[in-house]
Amino acid sequence: MAAAAMAIGLAPMAGVAGPALADQTPGEFAYVNNNGNSTVSRLNTVTNRIVDTIDLPPKADTIGSEVTPNGAFYYVANAGIDNVTKINTVTNRIVATIRLPKKAAPNGVGITPDSAFIYVTNKGNATVSKISVADDKVVATIPVGTGPRSVAVTPNGAFAYVSNSGSNNVMKISVATNRVVDIIPVGAAPLGVKITPNGAFVYVANNLSNSVSKISVADDEVDETIPVGKGPTWLSITPDSAFAYVTNNLSNSVSKISVADDEVNEPIPVGAGPRGMWINTSGTQVYVANHDSDTVSVIDVADDEVDETIYFPKGAGPEGVAFGHDPRPSPCPCP
């Protein structure tokens, strides 16, 4: 399928839609946060075209981002200006700015399944902020390890796992008590953290040891350490919990890991400096933000080939991708 790959720019093209059309979930959309030009791009995931651009404050240095599970809001962490931006996904307008302590350098965002709270890792002051979605207030500040980078909440909403890049470990936080209840040693400089949708495993990208740690949620032990490419940064997991994908920032590739047997497929070449990634709701496509080439690669899960390349303005620096669904009811009885 590589020969049929498409390159998609910003100019509209009447009557053209990418292969995502058949797999499009009604109301599905994607946001890409760009830390090179302090913007957020909204993608139409039928055509894989940029349909809106939202300006963030200058020098925001946006890192992590996520859409609430109910689809209503998109949160993005701005490491350069110590705050979190909240965007209404219907209007694509900024509706709140949550200020954090000076030099907090917020990095990662994780959201509880009920869309009630967001967790933000603050790399600069070794804490995690818990923020209420209802009023955008910080309701708890949780001390963690050095250089916290990413956070993921279990599907049952009971725990949040945080990677500490300077401490080389992952901390498990009780959502009920806002306390650290376990510390799990992993590889060097852990960055991305993702939990399988079935809640069984936590995957951690160890940036400096070129590996991924697979943690069993049942006992918080590392079941396997899986070699991948150079500079693994971020992960995403298919909705059926069958495969984990990881970006290799220094290899310009993506590795695919089988959850069942921890086997790694041949690396998938993408753009330069891949960082954030997300898998669409139907589990058919992986969107990869290539920071250094100002592109997003769209990988077909069926054959692990790049189907399309979406081009962003020069210097945009795509950092991450987050999927969501329109919270409004469908206007028609669509098939």
C-alpha atoms as a PDB file:
ATOM      1  CA  MET A   1       0.000   0.000   0.000  1.00  0.00           C
ATOM      2  CA  ALA A   2       3.059   2.250   0.315  1.00  0.00           C
ATOM      3  CA  ALA A   3       2.965   3.031  -3.388  1.00  0.00           C
ATOM      4  CA  ALA A   4      -0.531   4.411  -3.004  1.00  0.00           C
ATOM      5  CA  ALA A   5       0.392   6.694  -0.124  1.00  0.00           C
ATOM      6  CA  MET A   6      -0.933  10.227  -0.399  1.00  0.00           C
ATOM      7  CA  ALA A   7       0.620  13.544   0.577  1.00  0.00           C
ATOM      8  CA  ILE A   8      -1.948  16.032   1.794  1.00  0.00           C
ATOM      9  CA  GLY A   9      -1.298  19.744   2.152  1.00  0.00           C
ATOM     10  CA  LEU A  10      -3.387  22.594   3.431  1.00  0.00           C
ATOM     11  CA  ALA A  11      -5.169  23.654   0.254  1.00  0.00           C
ATOM     12  CA  PRO A  12      -8.723  22.310  -0.152  1.00  0.00           C
ATOM     13  CA  MET A  13      -9.419  19.854  -2.958  1.00  0.00           C
ATOM     14  CA  ALA A  14     -13.047  19.400  -3.957  1.00  0.00           C
ATOM     15  CA  GLY A  15     -14.433  15.897  -3.911  1.00  0.00           C
ATOM     16  CA  VAL A  16     -11.302  14.288  -2.436  1.00  0.00           C
ATOM     17  CA  ALA A  17     -11.327  12.296   0.787  1.00  0.00           C
ATOM     18  CA  GLY A  18      -8.618  10.049   2.196  1.00  0.00           C
ATOM     19  CA  PRO A  19      -9.007   6.350   3.047  1.00  0.00           C
ATOM     20  CA  ALA A  20     -10.256   7.306   6.519  1.00  0.00           C
ATOM     21  CA  LEU A  21     -13.738   7.878   5.076  1.00  0.00           C
ATOM     22  CA  ALA A  22     -14.988   4.317   5.464  1.00  0.00           C
ATOM     23  CA  ASP A  23     -13.640   4.097   9.002  1.00  0.00           C
ATOM     24  CA  GLN A  24     -14.816   7.499  10.169  1.00  0.00           C
ATOM     25  CA  THR A  25     -16.744   7.459  13.417  1.00  0.00           C
ATOM     26  CA  PRO A  26     -19.588  10.029  13.227  1.00  0.00           C
ATOM     27  CA  GLY A  27     -18.461  13.269  14.844  1.00  0.00           C
ATOM     28  CA  GLU A  28     -14.845  12.152  15.305  1.00  0.00           C
ATOM     29  CA  PHE A  29     -12.093  14.779  15.130  1.00  0.00           C
ATOM     30  CA  ALA A  30      -8.441  15.224  16.012  1.00  0.00           C
ATOM     31  CA  TYR A  31      -6.406  18.046  17.483  1.00  0.00           C
ATOM     32  CA  VAL A  32      -2.687  18.523  16.875  1.00  0.00           C
ATOM     33  CA  ASN A  33      -0.799  20.802  19.251  1.00  0.00           C
ATOM     34  CA  ASN A  34       2.105  22.631  17.619  1.00  0.00           C
ATOM     35  CA  ASN A  35       4.832  23.887  19.922  1.00  0.00           C
ATOM     36  CA  GLY A  36       6.843  25.530  17.160  1.00  0.00           C
ATOM     37  CA  ASN A  37       4.265  28.221  16.425  1.00  0.00           C
ATOM     38  CA  SER A  38       2.053  28.044  19.549  1.00  0.00           C
ATOM     39  CA  THR A  39      -1.091  26.863  17.791  1.00  0.00           C
ATOM     40  CA  VAL A  40      -3.555  23.990  17.822  1.00  0.00           C
ATOM     41  CA  SER A  41      -4.759  22.527  14.511  1.00  0.00           C
ATOM     42  CA  ARG A  42      -8.085  20.741  14.215  1.00  0.00           C
ATOM     43  CA  LEU A  43      -8.217  17.937  11.648  1.00  0.00           C
ATOM     44  CA  ASN A  44     -11.207  16.611   9.781  1.00  0.00           C
ATOM     45  CA  THR A  45     -10.462  12.889  10.030  1.00  0.00           C
ATOM     46  CA  VAL A  46     -12.559  12.053   6.962  1.00  0.00           C
ATOM     47  CA  THR A  47     -10.448  14.179   4.620  1.00  0.00           C
ATOM     48  CA  ASN A  48      -7.384  14.434   6.887  1.00  0.00           C
ATOM     49  CA  ARG A  49      -7.261  18.173   6.303  1.00  0.00           C
ATOM     50  CA  ILE A  50      -6.734  21.041   8.706  1.00  0.00           C
ATOM     51  CA  VAL A  51     -10.084  22.777   9.152  1.00  0.00           C
ATOM     52  CA  ASP A  52      -9.319  25.206  11.975  1.00  0.00           C
ATOM     53  CA  THR A  53      -6.345  26.770  13.744  1.00  0.00           C
ATOM     54  CA  ILE A  54      -6.484  28.021  17.326  1.00  0.00           C
ATOM     55  CA  ASP A  55      -3.851  30.475  18.512  1.00  0.00           C
ATOM     56  CA  LEU A  56      -2.227  29.901  21.888  1.00  0.00           C
ATOM     57  CA  PRO A  57      -0.199  32.564  23.718  1.00  0.00           C
ATOM     58  CA  PRO A  58       3.310  33.183  22.345  1.00  0.00           C
ATOM     59  CA  LYS A  59       6.077  30.877  23.603  1.00  0.00           C
ATOM     60  CA  ALA A  60       3.500  28.448  25.013  1.00  0.00           C
ATOM     61  CA  ASP A  61       5.773  25.465  24.273  1.00  0.00           C
ATOM     62  CA  THR A  62       2.774  23.167  24.267  1.00  0.00           C
ATOM     63  CA  ILE A  63       3.601  19.546  25.156  1.00  0.00           C
ATOM     64  CA  GLY A  64       0.840  17.150  26.278  1.00  0.00           C
ATOM     65  CA  SER A  65      -2.837  17.357  25.428  1.00  0.00           C
ATOM     66  CA  GLU A  66      -6.035  15.336  25.628  1.00  0.00           C
ATOM     67  CA  VAL A  67      -9.756  15.528  24.876  1.00  0.00           C
ATOM     68  CA  THR A  68     -12.177  14.730  27.696  1.00  0.00           C
ATOM     69  CA  PRO A  69     -13.838  11.321  27.171  1.00  0.00           C
ATOM     70  CA  ASN A  70     -17.231  13.021  26.784  1.00  0.00           C
ATOM     71  CA  GLY A  71     -15.795  15.036  23.892  1.00  0.00           C
ATOM     72  CA  ALA A  72     -16.652  18.432  25.353  1.00  0.00           C
ATOM     73  CA  PHE A  73     -13.231  19.954  26.039  1.00  0.00           C
ATOM     74  CA  TYR A  74      -9.643  19.787  24.880  1.00  0.00           C
ATOM     75  CA  TYR A  75      -6.868  20.528  27.374  1.00  0.00           C
ATOM     76  CA  VAL A  76      -3.301  21.375  26.394  1.00  0.00           C
ATOM     77  CA  ALA A  77      -0.324  21.828  28.731  1.00  0.00           C
ATOM     78  CA  ASN A  78       1.848  24.874  28.001  1.00  0.00           C
ATOM     79  CA  ALA A  79       5.290  24.223  29.475  1.00  0.00           C
ATOM     80  CA  GLY A  80       6.698  27.580  28.421  1.00  0.00           C
ATOM     81  CA  ILE A  81       4.137  29.749  30.212  1.00  0.00           C
ATOM     82  CA  ASP A  82       3.134  27.547  33.162  1.00  0.00           C
ATOM     83  CA  ASN A  83      -0.535  27.095  32.410  1.00  0.00           C
ATOM     84  CA  VAL A  84      -3.122  24.799  30.848  1.00  0.00           C
ATOM     85  CA  THR A  85      -5.455  25.916  28.062  1.00  0.00           C
ATOM     86  CA  LYS A  86      -9.056  24.633  27.936  1.00  0.00           C
ATOM     87  CA  ILE A  87     -10.771  24.663  24.534  1.00  0.00           C
ATOM     88  CA  ASN A  88     -14.466  24.095  23.829  1.00  0.00           C
ATOM     89  CA  THR A  89     -14.567  21.440  21.091  1.00  0.00           C
ATOM     90  CA  VAL A  90     -17.841  22.723  19.603  1.00  0.00           C
ATOM     91  CA  THR A  91     -16.749  26.355  19.188  1.00  0.00           C
ATOM     92  CA  ASN A  92     -12.965  25.731  19.018  1.00  0.00           C
ATOM     93  CA  ARG A  93     -12.516  28.690  21.346  1.00  0.00           C
ATOM     94  CA  ILE A  94     -10.412  28.991  24.474  1.00  0.00           C
ATOM     95  CA  VAL A  95     -12.793  29.049  27.434  1.00  0.00           C
ATOM     96  CA  ALA A  96     -10.371  28.922  30.374  1.00  0.00           C
ATOM     97  CA  THR A  97      -6.715  29.255  31.294  1.00  0.00           C
ATOM     98  CA  ILE A  98      -5.603  27.377  34.405  1.00  0.00           C
ATOM     99  CA  ARG A  99      -2.561  28.985  35.954  1.00  0.00           C
ATOM    100  CA  LEU A 100       0.063  26.833  37.654  1.00  0.00           C
ATOM    101  CA  PRO A 101       3.024  27.846  39.836  1.00  0.00           C
ATOM    102  CA  LYS A 102       5.920  29.682  38.232  1.00  0.00           C
ATOM    103  CA  LYS A 103       8.402  27.289  36.589  1.00  0.00           C
ATOM    104  CA  ALA A 104       5.982  24.379  36.941  1.00  0.00           C
ATOM    105  CA  ALA A 105       6.572  23.550  33.248  1.00  0.00           C
ATOM    106  CA  PRO A 106       3.436  21.422  32.763  1.00  0.00           C
ATOM    107  CA  ASN A 107       4.034  18.521  30.380  1.00  0.00           C
ATOM    108  CA  GLY A 108       1.514  15.676  30.352  1.00  0.00           C
ATOM    109  CA  VAL A 109      -2.283  15.536  30.565  1.00  0.00           C
ATOM    110  CA  GLY A 110      -4.452  12.618  31.692  1.00  0.00           C
ATOM    111  CA  ILE A 111      -8.221  12.662  32.227  1.00  0.00           C
ATOM    112  CA  THR A 112     -10.501  10.487  34.340  1.00  0.00           C
ATOM    113  CA  PRO A 113     -12.990   8.337  32.379  1.00  0.00           C
ATOM    114  CA  ASP A 114     -15.945  10.302  33.781  1.00  0.00           C
ATOM    115  CA  SER A 115     -14.447  13.560  32.426  1.00  0.00           C
ATOM    116  CA  ALA A 116     -14.539  15.059  35.930  1.00  0.00           C
ATOM    117  CA  PHE A 117     -10.832  15.660  36.571  1.00  0.00           C
ATOM    118  CA  ILE A 118      -7.630  16.178  34.655  1.00  0.00           C
ATOM    119  CA  TYR A 119      -4.161  15.367  35.922  1.00  0.00           C
ATOM    120  CA  VAL A 120      -1.216  17.477  34.736  1.00  0.00           C
ATOM    121  CA  THR A 121       2.429  16.560  35.281  1.00  0.00           C
ATOM    122  CA  ASN A 122       4.649  19.497  36.225  1.00  0.00           C
ATOM    123  CA  LYS A 123       8.184  18.695  35.131  1.00  0.00           C
ATOM    124  CA  GLY A 124       9.648  21.827  36.691  1.00  0.00           C
ATOM    125  CA  ASN A 125       8.529  21.326  40.296  1.00  0.00           C
ATOM    126  CA  ALA A 126       8.085  17.541  40.564  1.00  0.00           C
ATOM    127  CA  THR A 127       4.340  17.599  41.181  1.00  0.00           C
ATOM    128  CA  VAL A 128       1.069  16.582  39.583  1.00  0.00           C
ATOM    129  CA  SER A 129      -1.863  19.010  39.568  1.00  0.00           C
ATOM    130  CA  LYS A 130      -5.395  17.617  39.803  1.00  0.00           C
ATOM    131  CA  ILE A 131      -7.874  20.004  38.178  1.00  0.00           C
ATOM    132  CA  SER A 132     -11.667  19.963  38.325  1.00  0.00           C
ATOM    133  CA  VAL A 133     -13.218  20.123  34.850  1.00  0.00           C
ATOM    134  CA  ALA A 134     -16.382  21.696  36.303  1.00  0.00           C
ATOM    135  CA  ASP A 135     -14.703  24.890  37.523  1.00  0.00           C
ATOM    136  CA  ASP A 136     -11.089  24.591  36.306  1.00  0.00           C
ATOM    137  CA  LYS A 137      -9.700  24.853  39.822  1.00  0.00           C
ATOM    138  CA  VAL A 138      -6.649  22.970  41.077  1.00  0.00           C
ATOM    139  CA  VAL A 139      -8.069  20.719  43.791  1.00  0.00           C
ATOM    140  CA  ALA A 140      -4.883  18.850  44.718  1.00  0.00           C
ATOM    141  CA  THR A 141      -1.131  19.107  44.220  1.00  0.00           C
ATOM    142  CA  ILE A 142       0.603  15.748  44.513  1.00  0.00           C
ATOM    143  CA  PRO A 143       4.386  15.434  45.047  1.00  0.00           C
ATOM    144  CA  VAL A 144       5.941  12.848  42.726  1.00  0.00           C
ATOM    145  CA  GLY A 145       9.418  12.008  41.403  1.00  0.00           C
ATOM    146  CA  THR A 146      11.884  14.151  39.498  1.00  0.00           C
ATOM    147  CA  GLY A 147      10.873  15.358  36.055  1.00  0.00           C
ATOM    148  CA  PRO A 148       7.329  13.981  35.745  1.00  0.00           C
ATOM    149  CA  ARG A 149       6.424  13.819  32.064  1.00  0.00           C
ATOM    150  CA  SER A 150       3.306  11.802  31.289  1.00  0.00           C
ATOM    151  CA  VAL A 151       0.199  10.598  33.114  1.00  0.00           C
ATOM    152  CA  ALA A 152      -2.496   8.053  32.276  1.00  0.00           C
ATOM    153  CA  VAL A 153      -5.629   7.121  34.232  1.00  0.00           C
ATOM    154  CA  THR A 154      -6.869   3.533  34.453  1.00  0.00           C
ATOM    155  CA  PRO A 155     -10.132   2.763  32.612  1.00  0.00           C
ATOM    156  CA  ASN A 156     -11.923   2.207  35.930  1.00  0.00           C
ATOM    157  CA  GLY A 157     -10.845   5.669  37.103  1.00  0.00           C
ATOM    158  CA  ALA A 158      -9.176   4.370  40.251  1.00  0.00           C
ATOM    159  CA  PHE A 159      -5.512   5.150  39.616  1.00  0.00           C
ATOM    160  CA  ALA A 160      -3.207   7.457  37.678  1.00  0.00           C
ATOM    161  CA  TYR A 161       0.261   6.338  36.560  1.00  0.00           C
ATOM    162  CA  VAL A 162       2.971   9.007  36.225  1.00  0.00           C
ATOM    163  CA  SER A 163       6.362   8.671  34.527  1.00  0.00           C
ATOM    164  CA  ASN A 164       9.260  10.430  36.275  1.00  0.00           C
ATOM    165  CA  SER A 165      12.004  11.009  33.710  1.00  0.00           C
ATOM    166  CA  GLY A 166      14.594  12.073  36.274  1.00  0.00           C
ATOM    167  CA  SER A 167      13.842   9.325  38.801  1.00  0.00           C
ATOM    168  CA  ASN A 168      13.586   6.482  36.261  1.00  0.00           C
ATOM    169  CA  ASN A 169      10.361   5.224  37.740  1.00  0.00           C
ATOM    170  CA  VAL A 170       6.593   5.271  37.476  1.00  0.00           C
ATOM    171  CA  MET A 171       4.406   6.306  40.404  1.00  0.00           C
ATOM    172  CA  LYS A 172       0.875   5.042  40.961  1.00  0.00           C
ATOM    173  CA  ILE A 173      -1.534   7.596  42.435  1.00  0.00           C
ATOM    174  CA  SER A 174      -4.866   6.808  44.056  1.00  0.00           C
ATOM    175  CA  VAL A 175      -7.514   9.020  42.450  1.00  0.00           C
ATOM    176  CA  ALA A 176      -9.607   8.809  45.626  1.00  0.00           C
ATOM    177  CA  THR A 177      -6.883   9.920  48.058  1.00  0.00           C
ATOM    178  CA  ASN A 178      -4.490  11.805  45.730  1.00  0.00           C
ATOM    179  CA  ARG A 179      -1.581   9.929  47.272  1.00  0.00           C
ATOM    180  CA  VAL A 180       1.218   7.876  45.751  1.00  0.00           C
ATOM    181  CA  VAL A 181       0.533   4.221  46.565  1.00  0.00           C
ATOM    182  CA  ASP A 182       3.324   2.496  44.631  1.00  0.00           C
ATOM    183  CA  ILE A 183       6.655   3.202  42.927  1.00  0.00           C
ATOM    184  CA  ILE A 184       7.750   1.045  39.990  1.00  0.00           C
ATOM    185  CA  PRO A 185      11.351   1.188  38.684  1.00  0.00           C
ATOM    186  CA  VAL A 186      11.563   1.257  34.872  1.00  0.00           C
ATOM    187  CA  GLY A 187      14.168   2.181  32.244  1.00  0.00           C
ATOM    188  CA  ALA A 188      16.117   5.393  31.766  1.00  0.00           C
ATOM    189  CA  ALA A 189      14.189   8.646  31.274  1.00  0.00           C
ATOM    190  CA  PRO A 190      10.623   7.314  30.991  1.00  0.00           C
ATOM    191  CA  LEU A 191       8.404   9.627  28.954  1.00  0.00           C
ATOM    192  CA  GLY A 192       5.106   8.404  27.487  1.00  0.00           C
ATOM    193  CA  VAL A 193       2.698   6.265  29.527  1.00  0.00           C
ATOM    194  CA  LYS A 194      -0.362   4.455  28.190  1.00  0.00           C
ATOM    195  CA  ILE A 195      -2.749   1.914  29.705  1.00  0.00           C
ATOM    196  CA  THR A 196      -4.416  -0.815  27.669  1.00  0.00           C
ATOM    197  CA  PRO A 197      -8.171  -0.162  27.311  1.00  0.00           C
ATOM    198  CA  ASN A 198      -8.879  -3.436  29.130  1.00  0.00           C
ATOM    199  CA  GLY A 199      -6.954  -2.075  32.120  1.00  0.00           C
ATOM    200  CA  ALA A 200      -4.481  -4.963  32.277  1.00  0.00           C
ATOM    201  CA  PHE A 201      -1.142  -3.338  31.420  1.00  0.00           C
ATOM    202  CA  VAL A 202       0.740  -0.044  31.562  1.00  0.00           C
ATOM    203  CA  TYR A 203       3.244   0.643  28.794  1.00  0.00           C
ATOM    204  CA  VAL A 204       6.100   3.093  29.388  1.00  0.00           C
ATOM    205  CA  ALA A 205       8.483   4.527  26.767  1.00  0.00           C
ATOM    206  CA  ASN A 206      12.025   4.666  28.204  1.00  0.00           C
ATOM    207  CA  ASN A 207      13.662   7.389  26.128  1.00  0.00           C
ATOM    208  CA  LEU A 208      17.320   6.869  27.026  1.00  0.00           C
ATOM    209  CA  SER A 209      17.348   3.075  27.248  1.00  0.00           C
ATOM    210  CA  ASN A 210      15.560   2.541  23.920  1.00  0.00           C
ATOM    211  CA  SER A 211      12.997   0.254  25.462  1.00  0.00           C
ATOM    212  CA  VAL A 212       9.392  -0.046  26.570  1.00  0.00           C
ATOM    213  CA  SER A 213       8.441  -1.338  30.023  1.00  0.00           C
ATOM    214  CA  LYS A 214       5.280  -3.446  30.259  1.00  0.00           C
ATOM    215  CA  ILE A 215       3.774  -3.230  33.746  1.00  0.00           C
ATOM    216  CA  SER A 216       1.047  -5.530  35.047  1.00  0.00           C
ATOM    217  CA  VAL A 217      -1.672  -3.471  36.733  1.00  0.00           C
ATOM    218  CA  ALA A 218      -2.553  -6.461  38.921  1.00  0.00           C
ATOM    219  CA  ASP A 219       0.724  -6.357  40.873  1.00  0.00           C
ATOM    220  CA  ASP A 220       2.551  -3.256  39.551  1.00  0.00           C
ATOM    221  CA  GLU A 221       5.531  -5.342  38.480  1.00  0.00           C
ATOM    222  CA  VAL A 222       7.413  -4.976  35.200  1.00  0.00           C
ATOM    223  CA  ASP A 223       6.463  -8.064  33.200  1.00  0.00           C
ATOM    224  CA  GLU A 224       8.718  -7.348  30.255  1.00  0.00           C
ATOM    225  CA  THR A 225      11.286  -4.865  28.973  1.00  0.00           C
ATOM    226  CA  ILE A 226      10.939  -4.614  25.203  1.00  0.00           C
ATOM    227  CA  PRO A 227      13.724  -3.214  22.961  1.00  0.00           C
ATOM    228  CA  VAL A 228      12.489  -0.714  20.357  1.00  0.00           C
ATOM    229  CA  GLY A 229      14.066   2.042  18.251  1.00  0.00           C
ATOM    230  CA  LYS A 230      16.147   4.997  19.375  1.00  0.00           C
ATOM    231  CA  GLY A 231      14.581   7.603  21.626  1.00  0.00           C
ATOM    232  CA  PRO A 232      11.111   6.138  22.263  1.00  0.00           C
ATOM    233  CA  THR A 233       8.858   9.004  23.256  1.00  0.00           C
ATOM    234  CA  TRP A 234       5.131   8.338  23.140  1.00  0.00           C
ATOM    235  CA  LEU A 235       2.699   5.448  22.876  1.00  0.00           C
ATOM    236  CA  SER A 236      -0.820   4.613  21.794  1.00  0.00           C
ATOM    237  CA  ILE A 237      -2.751   1.355  22.117  1.00  0.00           C
ATOM    238  CA  THR A 238      -5.416  -0.113  19.852  1.00  0.00           C
ATOM    239  CA  PRO A 239      -8.973  -0.124  21.260  1.00  0.00           C
ATOM    240  CA  ASP A 240      -8.978  -3.941  21.416  1.00  0.00           C
ATOM    241  CA  SER A 241      -5.821  -3.867  23.600  1.00  0.00           C
ATOM    242  CA  ALA A 242      -4.004  -6.046  21.043  1.00  0.00           C
ATOM    243  CA  PHE A 243      -1.148  -3.761  19.985  1.00  0.00           C
ATOM    244  CA  ALA A 244       0.917  -0.885  21.354  1.00  0.00           C
ATOM    245  CA  TYR A 245       2.556   1.609  19.005  1.00  0.00           C
ATOM    246  CA  VAL A 246       5.556   3.691  20.098  1.00  0.00           C
ATOM    247  CA  THR A 247       7.266   6.626  18.391  1.00  0.00           C
ATOM    248  CA  ASN A 248      11.057   6.406  18.092  1.00  0.00           C
ATOM    249  CA  ASN A 249      12.100  10.045  18.025  1.00  0.00           C
ATOM    250  CA  LEU A 250      15.711   9.483  16.987  1.00  0.00           C
ATOM    251  CA  SER A 251      15.016   6.657  14.518  1.00  0.00           C
ATOM    252  CA  ASN A 252      12.227   8.493  12.662  1.00  0.00           C
ATOM    253  CA  SER A 253      10.077   5.413  13.000  1.00  0.00           C
ATOM    254  CA  VAL A 254       7.226   3.758  14.873  1.00  0.00           C
ATOM    255  CA  SER A 255       7.451   0.325  16.522  1.00  0.00           C
ATOM    256  CA  LYS A 256       4.416  -1.967  16.866  1.00  0.00           C
ATOM    257  CA  ILE A 257       4.331  -4.287  19.882  1.00  0.00           C
ATOM    258  CA  SER A 258       2.032  -7.286  20.287  1.00  0.00           C
ATOM    259  CA  VAL A 259       0.456  -7.144  23.745  1.00  0.00           C
ATOM    260  CA  ALA A 260      -0.045 -10.926  23.757  1.00  0.00           C
ATOM    261  CA  ASP A 261       3.582 -11.988  23.237  1.00  0.00           C
ATOM    262  CA  ASP A 262       5.628  -8.736  23.364  1.00  0.00           C
ATOM    263  CA  GLU A 263       6.942  -9.292  19.835  1.00  0.00           C
ATOM    264  CA  VAL A 264       7.985  -6.178  17.918  1.00  0.00           C
ATOM    265  CA  ASN A 265       7.213  -5.789  14.218  1.00  0.00           C
ATOM    266  CA  GLU A 266       9.567  -4.185  11.723  1.00  0.00           C
ATOM    267  CA  PRO A 267       9.786  -0.430  12.376  1.00  0.00           C
ATOM    268  CA  ILE A 268       7.471   1.760  10.318  1.00  0.00           C
ATOM    269  CA  PRO A 269       9.276   4.752   8.728  1.00  0.00           C
ATOM    270  CA  VAL A 270       7.559   8.097   9.366  1.00  0.00           C
ATOM    271  CA  GLY A 271       8.630  11.747   9.304  1.00  0.00           C
ATOM    272  CA  ALA A 272      11.485  13.385  11.192  1.00  0.00           C
ATOM    273  CA  GLY A 273      11.365  13.561  14.975  1.00  0.00           C
ATOM    274  CA  PRO A 274       8.105  11.689  15.691  1.00  0.00           C
ATOM    275  CA  ARG A 275       6.697  12.494  19.116  1.00  0.00           C
ATOM    276  CA  GLY A 276       3.016  12.285  20.023  1.00  0.00           C
ATOM    277  CA  MET A 277       0.562   9.849  18.492  1.00  0.00           C
ATOM    278  CA  TRP A 278      -3.056   8.687  18.747  1.00  0.00           C
ATOM    279  CA  ILE A 279      -5.147   5.850  17.327  1.00  0.00           C
ATOM    280  CA  ASN A 280      -8.598   6.614  15.956  1.00  0.00           C
ATOM    281  CA  THR A 281     -11.739   5.308  17.657  1.00  0.00           C
ATOM    282  CA  SER A 282     -12.224   2.428  15.232  1.00  0.00           C
ATOM    283  CA  GLY A 283      -8.616   1.309  15.695  1.00  0.00           C
ATOM    284  CA  THR A 284      -7.850   1.435  11.982  1.00  0.00           C
ATOM    285  CA  GLN A 285      -5.387   4.322  11.772  1.00  0.00           C
ATOM    286  CA  VAL A 286      -2.509   5.749  13.794  1.00  0.00           C
ATOM    287  CA  TYR A 287      -1.783   9.479  13.608  1.00  0.00           C
ATOM    288  CA  VAL A 288       1.859  10.396  14.320  1.00  0.00           C
ATOM    289  CA  ALA A 289       3.081  13.959  14.940  1.00  0.00           C
ATOM    290  CA  ASN A 290       6.472  14.447  13.262  1.00  0.00           C
ATOM    291  CA  HIS A 291       7.861  17.476  15.051  1.00  0.00           C
ATOM    292  CA  ASP A 292      10.961  18.081  12.945  1.00  0.00           C
ATOM    293  CA  SER A 293       9.381  17.672   9.502  1.00  0.00           C
ATOM    294  CA  ASP A 294       6.159  19.580  10.277  1.00  0.00           C
ATOM    295  CA  THR A 295       3.960  16.675   9.240  1.00  0.00           C
ATOM    296  CA  VAL A 296       1.552  14.089  10.581  1.00  0.00           C
ATOM    297  CA  SER A 297       1.851  10.530   9.270  1.00  0.00           C
ATOM    298  CA  VAL A 298      -1.321   8.435   9.016  1.00  0.00           C
ATOM    299  CA  ILE A 299      -0.570   4.714   9.381  1.00  0.00           C
ATOM    300  CA  ASP A 300      -2.998   2.007   8.260  1.00  0.00           C
ATOM    301  CA  VAL A 301      -3.169  -0.535  11.100  1.00  0.00           C
ATOM    302  CA  ALA A 302      -4.106  -3.321   8.663  1.00  0.00           C
ATOM    303  CA  ASP A 303      -0.719  -3.326   6.928  1.00  0.00           C
ATOM    304  CA  ASP A 304       1.349  -0.862   8.988  1.00  0.00           C
ATOM    305  CA  GLU A 305       2.072   1.345   5.992  1.00  0.00           C
ATOM    306  CA  VAL A 306       1.872   5.146   5.918  1.00  0.00           C
ATOM    307  CA  ASP A 307      -1.232   5.910   3.852  1.00  0.00           C
ATOM    308  CA  GLU A 308      -1.081   9.692   4.013  1.00  0.00           C
ATOM    309  CA  THR A 309       1.148  12.542   5.078  1.00  0.00           C
ATOM    310  CA  ILE A 310      -0.501  15.735   6.294  1.00  0.00           C
ATOM    311  CA  TYR A 311       1.639  18.856   5.861  1.00  0.00           C
ATOM    312  CA  PHE A 312       1.685  21.695   8.384  1.00  0.00           C
ATOM    313  CA  PRO A 313       3.135  25.213   8.035  1.00  0.00           C
ATOM    314  CA  LYS A 314       6.908  25.382   8.182  1.00  0.00           C
ATOM    315  CA  GLY A 315       8.108  25.639  11.772  1.00  0.00           C
ATOM    316  CA  ALA A 316       4.781  24.502  13.255  1.00  0.00           C
ATOM    317  CA  GLY A 317       6.467  21.688  15.167  1.00  0.00           C
ATOM    318  CA  PRO A 318       3.593  19.214  15.657  1.00  0.00           C
ATOM    319  CA  GLU A 319       4.061  17.811  19.149  1.00  0.00           C
ATOM    320  CA  GLY A 320       1.026  15.679  19.930  1.00  0.00           C
ATOM    321  CA  VAL A 321      -2.259  14.311  18.640  1.00  0.00           C
ATOM    322  CA  ALA A 322      -5.527  13.805  20.533  1.00  0.00           C
ATOM    323  CA  PHE A 323      -8.780  12.335  19.243  1.00  0.00           C
ATOM    324  CA  GLY A 324     -12.290  13.102  20.412  1.00  0.00           C
ATOM    325  CA  HIS A 325     -15.906  12.996  19.327  1.00  0.00           C
ATOM    326  CA  ASP A 326     -18.389  15.833  18.929  1.00  0.00           C
ATOM    327  CA  PRO A 327     -20.538  15.909  22.105  1.00  0.00           C
ATOM    328  CA  ARG A 328     -23.586  17.121  20.167  1.00  0.00           C
ATOM    329  CA  PRO A 329     -26.208  14.586  19.038  1.00  0.00           C
ATOM    330  CA  SER A 330     -26.031  13.484  15.426  1.00  0.00           C
ATOM    331  CA  PRO A 331     -28.416  15.637  13.327  1.00  0.00           C
ATOM    332  CA  CYS A 332     -29.576  12.683  11.245  1.00  0.00           C
ATOM    333  CA  PRO A 333     -30.137   8.917  11.508  1.00  0.00           C
ATOM    334  CA  CYS A 334     -26.875   8.348   9.670  1.00  0.00           C
ATOM    335  CA  PRO A 335     -25.837   4.774   8.876  1.00  0.00           C
END
